[in-house]
C-alpha atoms as a PDB file:
ATOM      1  CA  MET A   1     -24.169 -46.639  -6.528  1.00  0.00           C
ATOM      2  CA  ILE A   2     -26.400 -43.826  -5.650  1.00  0.00           C
ATOM      3  CA  ASP A   3     -24.948 -43.526  -2.103  1.00  0.00           C
ATOM      4  CA  LYS A   4     -21.401 -43.275  -3.370  1.00  0.00           C
ATOM      5  CA  ILE A   5     -22.818 -40.691  -5.793  1.00  0.00           C
ATOM      6  CA  SER A   6     -24.692 -38.838  -3.154  1.00  0.00           C
ATOM      7  CA  LEU A   7     -21.440 -38.502  -0.757  1.00  0.00           C
ATOM      8  CA  LYS A   8     -19.224 -37.233  -3.914  1.00  0.00           C
ATOM      9  CA  LEU A   9     -21.548 -34.680  -4.627  1.00  0.00           C
ATOM     10  CA  SER A  10     -21.741 -33.974  -0.877  1.00  0.00           C
ATOM     11  CA  LEU A  11     -18.209 -33.335  -0.466  1.00  0.00           C
ATOM     12  CA  LEU A  12     -17.872 -31.618  -3.858  1.00  0.00           C
ATOM     13  CA  CYS A  13     -20.250 -28.671  -2.440  1.00  0.00           C
ATOM     14  CA  ALA A  14     -18.944 -29.039   0.979  1.00  0.00           C
ATOM     15  CA  LEU A  15     -15.629 -28.258  -0.675  1.00  0.00           C
ATOM     16  CA  CYS A  16     -17.320 -25.747  -2.816  1.00  0.00           C
ATOM     17  CA  ILE A  17     -17.782 -24.181   0.583  1.00  0.00           C
ATOM     18  CA  LEU A  18     -14.930 -23.786   2.098  1.00  0.00           C
ATOM     19  CA  LEU A  19     -13.050 -22.615  -0.717  1.00  0.00           C
ATOM     20  CA  SER A  20     -15.971 -19.727  -1.423  1.00  0.00           C
ATOM     21  CA  CYS A  21     -15.245 -18.804   2.379  1.00  0.00           C
ATOM     22  CA  ALA A  22     -11.669 -19.018   2.055  1.00  0.00           C
ATOM     23  CA  ALA A  23     -11.980 -16.387  -0.826  1.00  0.00           C
ATOM     24  CA  ALA A  24     -14.367 -13.762   0.789  1.00  0.00           C
ATOM     25  CA  ALA A  25     -12.270 -14.125   4.485  1.00  0.00           C
ATOM     26  CA  GLN A  26      -9.142 -12.715   2.615  1.00  0.00           C
ATOM     27  CA  GLU A  27     -10.922  -9.335   1.527  1.00  0.00           C
ATOM     28  CA  GLN A  28     -12.426  -7.843   4.320  1.00  0.00           C
ATOM     29  CA  ARG A  29     -13.602  -4.230   5.266  1.00  0.00           C
ATOM     30  CA  ALA A  30     -11.393  -2.187   6.835  1.00  0.00           C
ATOM     31  CA  LYS A  31     -11.051   1.190   8.971  1.00  0.00           C
ATOM     32  CA  LEU A  32      -9.054   3.654   8.531  1.00  0.00           C
ATOM     33  CA  LYS A  33      -7.907   3.703  12.178  1.00  0.00           C
ATOM     34  CA  ASN A  34      -6.849   0.091  11.758  1.00  0.00           C
ATOM     35  CA  LEU A  35      -4.777   0.690   9.156  1.00  0.00           C
ATOM     36  CA  PRO A  36      -0.665   0.833   9.365  1.00  0.00           C
ATOM     37  CA  PRO A  37       0.086   4.291  10.198  1.00  0.00           C
ATOM     38  CA  ALA A  38       1.749   4.706   6.650  1.00  0.00           C
ATOM     39  CA  ALA A  39      -1.369   3.478   4.702  1.00  0.00           C
ATOM     40  CA  GLN A  40      -3.551   5.869   6.678  1.00  0.00           C
ATOM     41  CA  LYS A  41      -1.480   9.035   5.898  1.00  0.00           C
ATOM     42  CA  THR A  42      -1.832   7.954   1.656  1.00  0.00           C
ATOM     43  CA  VAL A  43      -5.628   7.119   2.019  1.00  0.00           C
ATOM     44  CA  GLU A  44      -6.175  10.660   3.948  1.00  0.00           C
ATOM     45  CA  GLU A  45      -3.784  12.668   1.419  1.00  0.00           C
ATOM     46  CA  GLN A  46      -5.675  10.548  -1.833  1.00  0.00           C
ATOM     47  CA  SER A  47      -9.040  11.108  -0.462  1.00  0.00           C
ATOM     48  CA  LYS A  48      -9.223  14.648   0.107  1.00  0.00           C
ATOM     49  CA  GLY A  49     -11.881  16.272  -2.045  1.00  0.00           C
ATOM     50  CA  ALA A  50     -13.285  12.905  -3.107  1.00  0.00           C
ATOM     51  CA  ILE A  51     -15.651  10.889  -1.832  1.00  0.00           C
ATOM     52  CA  ILE A  52     -14.633   7.514  -0.179  1.00  0.00           C
ATOM     53  CA  ARG A  53     -16.950   4.480  -1.705  1.00  0.00           C
ATOM     54  CA  GLY A  54     -14.876   1.850   0.128  1.00  0.00           C
ATOM     55  CA  LEU A  55     -11.778   0.721   2.107  1.00  0.00           C
ATOM     56  CA  SER A  56     -10.909  -2.839   2.409  1.00  0.00           C
ATOM     57  CA  LYS A  57      -8.320  -5.002   3.489  1.00  0.00           C
ATOM     58  CA  GLU A  58      -7.183  -7.818   0.855  1.00  0.00           C
ATOM     59  CA  VAL A  59      -4.483 -10.773   1.558  1.00  0.00           C
ATOM     60  CA  GLU A  60      -3.155 -11.559  -1.906  1.00  0.00           C
ATOM     61  CA  LYS A  61      -0.487 -14.400  -2.365  1.00  0.00           C
ATOM     62  CA  GLY A  62      -0.057 -13.791   1.663  1.00  0.00           C
ATOM     63  CA  LYS A  63       0.636  -9.845   0.991  1.00  0.00           C
ATOM     64  CA  THR A  64      -1.593  -7.660   3.065  1.00  0.00           C
ATOM     65  CA  GLN A  65      -2.935  -4.770   0.599  1.00  0.00           C
ATOM     66  CA  TYR A  66      -5.513  -2.254   0.945  1.00  0.00           C
ATOM     67  CA  GLU A  67      -8.209  -1.105  -1.622  1.00  0.00           C
ATOM     68  CA  LEU A  68      -9.245   2.299  -1.774  1.00  0.00           C
ATOM     69  CA  GLU A  69     -12.070   3.370  -3.664  1.00  0.00           C
ATOM     70  CA  LEU A  70     -13.290   6.416  -4.536  1.00  0.00           C
ATOM     71  CA  THR A  71     -15.199   9.248  -6.644  1.00  0.00           C
ATOM     72  CA  VAL A  72     -13.053  11.859  -7.800  1.00  0.00           C
ATOM     73  CA  ASN A  73     -14.958  14.942  -9.592  1.00  0.00           C
ATOM     74  CA  GLY A  74     -17.709  12.637 -10.284  1.00  0.00           C
ATOM     75  CA  HIS A  75     -15.336   9.493 -11.937  1.00  0.00           C
ATOM     76  CA  SER A  76     -14.450   6.398 -10.052  1.00  0.00           C
ATOM     77  CA  LYS A  77     -10.634   6.007  -8.870  1.00  0.00           C
ATOM     78  CA  ASP A  78      -9.679   2.913  -7.246  1.00  0.00           C
ATOM     79  CA  MET A  79      -6.055   2.119  -5.611  1.00  0.00           C
ATOM     80  CA  ILE A  80      -4.406  -0.524  -4.245  1.00  0.00           C
ATOM     81  CA  ILE A  81      -2.052   0.640  -1.117  1.00  0.00           C
ATOM     82  CA  ASP A  82       0.625  -1.625   0.599  1.00  0.00           C
ATOM     83  CA  PRO A  83       1.018  -1.511   4.653  1.00  0.00           C
ATOM     84  CA  THR A  84       4.470   1.011   3.864  1.00  0.00           C
ATOM     85  CA  GLY A  85       1.753   3.112   1.760  1.00  0.00           C
ATOM     86  CA  ALA A  86       2.963   2.696  -1.469  1.00  0.00           C
ATOM     87  CA  ILE A  87       0.438   3.304  -4.279  1.00  0.00           C
ATOM     88  CA  LEU A  88       1.085  -0.087  -6.122  1.00  0.00           C
ATOM     89  CA  GLU A  89      -2.331   0.469  -8.738  1.00  0.00           C
ATOM     90  CA  VAL A  90      -4.629   2.640  -9.499  1.00  0.00           C
ATOM     91  CA  GLU A  91      -7.705   2.113 -11.538  1.00  0.00           C
ATOM     92  CA  GLU A  92      -9.276   5.172 -12.974  1.00  0.00           C
ATOM     93  CA  GLY A  93     -12.334   6.300 -14.531  1.00  0.00           C
ATOM     94  CA  ILE A  94     -11.664   7.879 -17.895  1.00  0.00           C
ATOM     95  CA  THR A  95     -13.693   9.067 -21.431  1.00  0.00           C
ATOM     96  CA  LEU A  96     -12.571   7.757 -24.760  1.00  0.00           C
ATOM     97  CA  ASP A  97     -12.261  12.095 -25.690  1.00  0.00           C
ATOM     98  CA  SER A  98      -9.170  12.129 -23.139  1.00  0.00           C
ATOM     99  CA  LEU A  99      -7.106   9.348 -25.434  1.00  0.00           C
ATOM    100  CA  ALA A 100      -4.691  10.281 -27.857  1.00  0.00           C
ATOM    101  CA  PRO A 101      -6.306  10.076 -30.995  1.00  0.00           C
ATOM    102  CA  GLU A 102      -4.262   6.922 -32.093  1.00  0.00           C
ATOM    103  CA  VAL A 103      -4.678   5.549 -28.529  1.00  0.00           C
ATOM    104  CA  ARG A 104      -8.405   6.174 -29.071  1.00  0.00           C
ATOM    105  CA  ALA A 105      -8.919   4.645 -32.717  1.00  0.00           C
ATOM    106  CA  GLU A 106      -7.109   1.658 -31.315  1.00  0.00           C
ATOM    107  CA  VAL A 107      -9.956   1.287 -28.272  1.00  0.00           C
ATOM    108  CA  GLU A 108     -12.474   2.334 -30.983  1.00  0.00           C
ATOM    109  CA  LYS A 109     -11.233  -0.963 -33.056  1.00  0.00           C
ATOM    110  CA  ASN A 110     -11.470  -3.358 -30.219  1.00  0.00           C
ATOM    111  CA  ILE A 111     -14.753  -2.482 -28.748  1.00  0.00           C
ATOM    112  CA  GLY A 112     -16.140  -2.494 -32.371  1.00  0.00           C
ATOM    113  CA  GLN A 113     -19.994  -2.379 -32.403  1.00  0.00           C
ATOM    114  CA  ALA A 114     -20.313  -2.819 -28.459  1.00  0.00           C
ATOM    115  CA  LYS A 115     -21.771  -0.392 -26.153  1.00  0.00           C
ATOM    116  CA  LEU A 116     -18.923   1.286 -23.796  1.00  0.00           C
ATOM    117  CA  LEU A 117     -19.853   1.122 -20.519  1.00  0.00           C
ATOM    118  CA  ARG A 118     -17.094   1.766 -18.132  1.00  0.00           C
ATOM    119  CA  LEU A 119     -13.017   2.861 -19.401  1.00  0.00           C
ATOM    120  CA  GLU A 120     -10.397   3.151 -16.979  1.00  0.00           C
ATOM    121  CA  SER A 121      -6.886   3.487 -17.261  1.00  0.00           C
ATOM    122  CA  VAL A 122      -4.735   1.373 -15.190  1.00  0.00           C
ATOM    123  CA  THR A 123      -1.376   2.521 -13.765  1.00  0.00           C
ATOM    124  CA  LYS A 124       1.179   0.253 -12.060  1.00  0.00           C
ATOM    125  CA  GLY A 125       4.175   1.944  -9.920  1.00  0.00           C
ATOM    126  CA  GLY A 126       3.483   5.275 -11.547  1.00  0.00           C
ATOM    127  CA  VAL A 127       3.484   3.837 -15.079  1.00  0.00           C
ATOM    128  CA  LEU A 128       0.636   3.559 -17.433  1.00  0.00           C
ATOM    129  CA  THR A 129       0.170  -0.521 -18.510  1.00  0.00           C
ATOM    130  CA  GLY A 130      -3.174  -0.194 -20.146  1.00  0.00           C
ATOM    131  CA  TYR A 131      -6.908   0.422 -20.125  1.00  0.00           C
ATOM    132  CA  GLU A 132      -9.386  -1.919 -19.189  1.00  0.00           C
ATOM    133  CA  ALA A 133     -13.019  -1.481 -21.089  1.00  0.00           C
ATOM    134  CA  SER A 134     -16.478  -2.850 -20.118  1.00  0.00           C
ATOM    135  CA  VAL A 135     -18.498  -3.463 -22.703  1.00  0.00           C
ATOM    136  CA  SER A 136     -22.181  -4.633 -23.590  1.00  0.00           C
ATOM    137  CA  LYS A 137     -23.123  -6.698 -26.827  1.00  0.00           C
ATOM    138  CA  ALA A 138     -26.524  -8.013 -27.322  1.00  0.00           C
ATOM    139  CA  GLY A 139     -26.903  -7.817 -23.536  1.00  0.00           C
ATOM    140  CA  ARG A 140     -24.117  -9.618 -22.735  1.00  0.00           C
ATOM    141  CA  LYS A 141     -21.097  -7.691 -20.942  1.00  0.00           C
ATOM    142  CA  SER A 142     -17.614  -8.373 -20.946  1.00  0.00           C
ATOM    143  CA  GLY A 143     -13.834  -7.166 -20.744  1.00  0.00           C
ATOM    144  CA  VAL A 144     -11.880  -5.838 -23.007  1.00  0.00           C
ATOM    145  CA  GLU A 145      -8.106  -5.013 -21.688  1.00  0.00           C
ATOM    146  CA  MET A 146      -5.891  -3.265 -23.519  1.00  0.00           C
ATOM    147  CA  GLY A 147      -2.014  -2.168 -23.389  1.00  0.00           C
ATOM    148  CA  PRO A 148      -0.877   1.643 -23.133  1.00  0.00           C
ATOM    149  CA  ASP A 149      -1.191   1.741 -26.776  1.00  0.00           C
ATOM    150  CA  GLY A 150      -4.996   0.520 -27.008  1.00  0.00           C
ATOM    151  CA  LYS A 151      -4.017  -3.009 -28.528  1.00  0.00           C
ATOM    152  CA  LEU A 152      -5.370  -5.828 -27.096  1.00  0.00           C
ATOM    153  CA  LEU A 153      -3.405  -7.626 -24.794  1.00  0.00           C
ATOM    154  CA  PRO A 154      -2.515 -11.152 -25.476  1.00  0.00           C
ATOM    155  CA  LYS A 155      -4.729 -13.621 -22.718  1.00  0.00           C
ATOM    156  CA  GLU A 156      -1.359 -14.621 -20.987  1.00  0.00           C
ATOM    157  CA  LYS A 157       0.028 -10.964 -20.521  1.00  0.00           C
ATOM    158  CA  LYS A 158      -2.868  -9.450 -19.294  1.00  0.00           C
ATOM    159  CA  THR A 159      -2.426  -6.760 -16.291  1.00  0.00           C
ATOM    160  CA  LYS A 160      -4.461  -7.575 -13.604  1.00  0.00           C
END
């Protein structure tokens, strides 16, 4: 009986290791010179006057895309770029003060008594789709996702 349990645990561990290796293989550091020319051009244009914190190649659902992580004027700006150079998504660090009063009130309501660690706007296809907040409450970190109006997104409709 113990041998069967040991064998099952060993197989389970091996499966977990294989899955984690496969997931890690889908995202890898990238060099600008190795990107397709159109993606290189977009990275060069978007990173002018910014600090590049990272550049990686990702394969998501069989599609290759590149994640560019920047610091622009002291705040974070991360973007997903496809091989044609199109910007698919932008997550940009913002402050509560930069929001319209009604959106800010909704965001503050959703955060409640938690401490706001980071707030980002999320833009897809050039359209603001919402906000993501990282918060801390009682020493536990969590995330809050909201629509463009600041209202909480239902779990099945989260934008990420």
